[in-house]
Amino acid sequence: MNDEIILVTGATGKTGRRVARLLQEAGVAVRAASRSGTPSFDWTDRITWESALRNVTGIYLVLPDLGSPQAAQTIGAFARQAAAAGARRAVLLSVPEGGAGQEHVLAAERALEHAGLDWTVLRPRWFFQNFSEDFLLDPVLSGEVRLPAGDGKEAFVDAEDIAEVAVAALTEDGHAGWHYELSGPRLMTFREAVAEIAGATGRDIRYVPLTAEAYAGEQRAQGVPEEWVQLSVGLYEYVRDGGLATLSDGVQRALGRAPGDFSDYAQAAARQGFWNA
């Protein structure tokens, strides 16, 4: 009988809910961590940590604001408490090297590495599913994806692949101590990604490159908080300037297979009706 219990933080997010599903399909007990869950869990309320960690053997860590100055302290304290409670493995969802707030991200990774757990760090690229489940869905539905990414290339990755790597690291030997850089199989511009979505849906959907100033102005006009405006401008400029124009073999090394392709994702998402106007 499988006596593992995996705590999944961010269990309603793009990767967290997939990790929870795959674990359950494998017969592993899942404790979904959330403020409304039982037991309740809140990153900012350490009183809730003890009950969330009780009898847990592994943890999937998704910390909001991983690039904040407080992230390392939070991750370190939580991971040490998890180890003291008997957890053995931890997988942290991180971000690619070189982006905004990188010094704080790396400090958070190091805090996990020194917490006494068998750790694995995942550094995925932009998710395919941002176009169908997150902040790029409304632009796709509107028919115009207006971004300041120019024709910079990115190695978009499938959230399903990220989740599968996480589950492997949480349930199998051989993944401890790895930083897995997770990308898709090819480099694409946002223009090319949007064109593939248009082809899959049969709809007229265009990519419109903007300057950073024009994009920021449009975001402010829509009521987007200034902090998010500045963060998103920085992320798109990093893509535009070629900061993510590389491929990695993390999915292949972790799973022994090639990562999923954007075309297959676009066709499947179209069939599922994500982009039905």
Foldseek 3Di string as FASTA:
>chain_A
DDQAEEEFEVCVDLQNVLLCVVCVVVVHHYQYEDCPGVVHDDLVDCVSLVVSLASHAEYEDDDPPQLDQCLLVSLLVSLLVNVVNHHAEYEYEAADPDAPSRVSNVSNVVSNVPNRHQYEYEHEWAELCCCQPHDNVVLLLVQEREEQQAFFKAQHAHSNLVSVLRNCRRPHPDRGPYYFYDGADAIGGVQVLSVLLCVLQVHRHGYHHDHLVVQLVVCVVVVNDPVVSVRRSRVSVCRNVHVRRDHGCRSCVRPVDHGDDSNVVSNVSSVVPSNPD
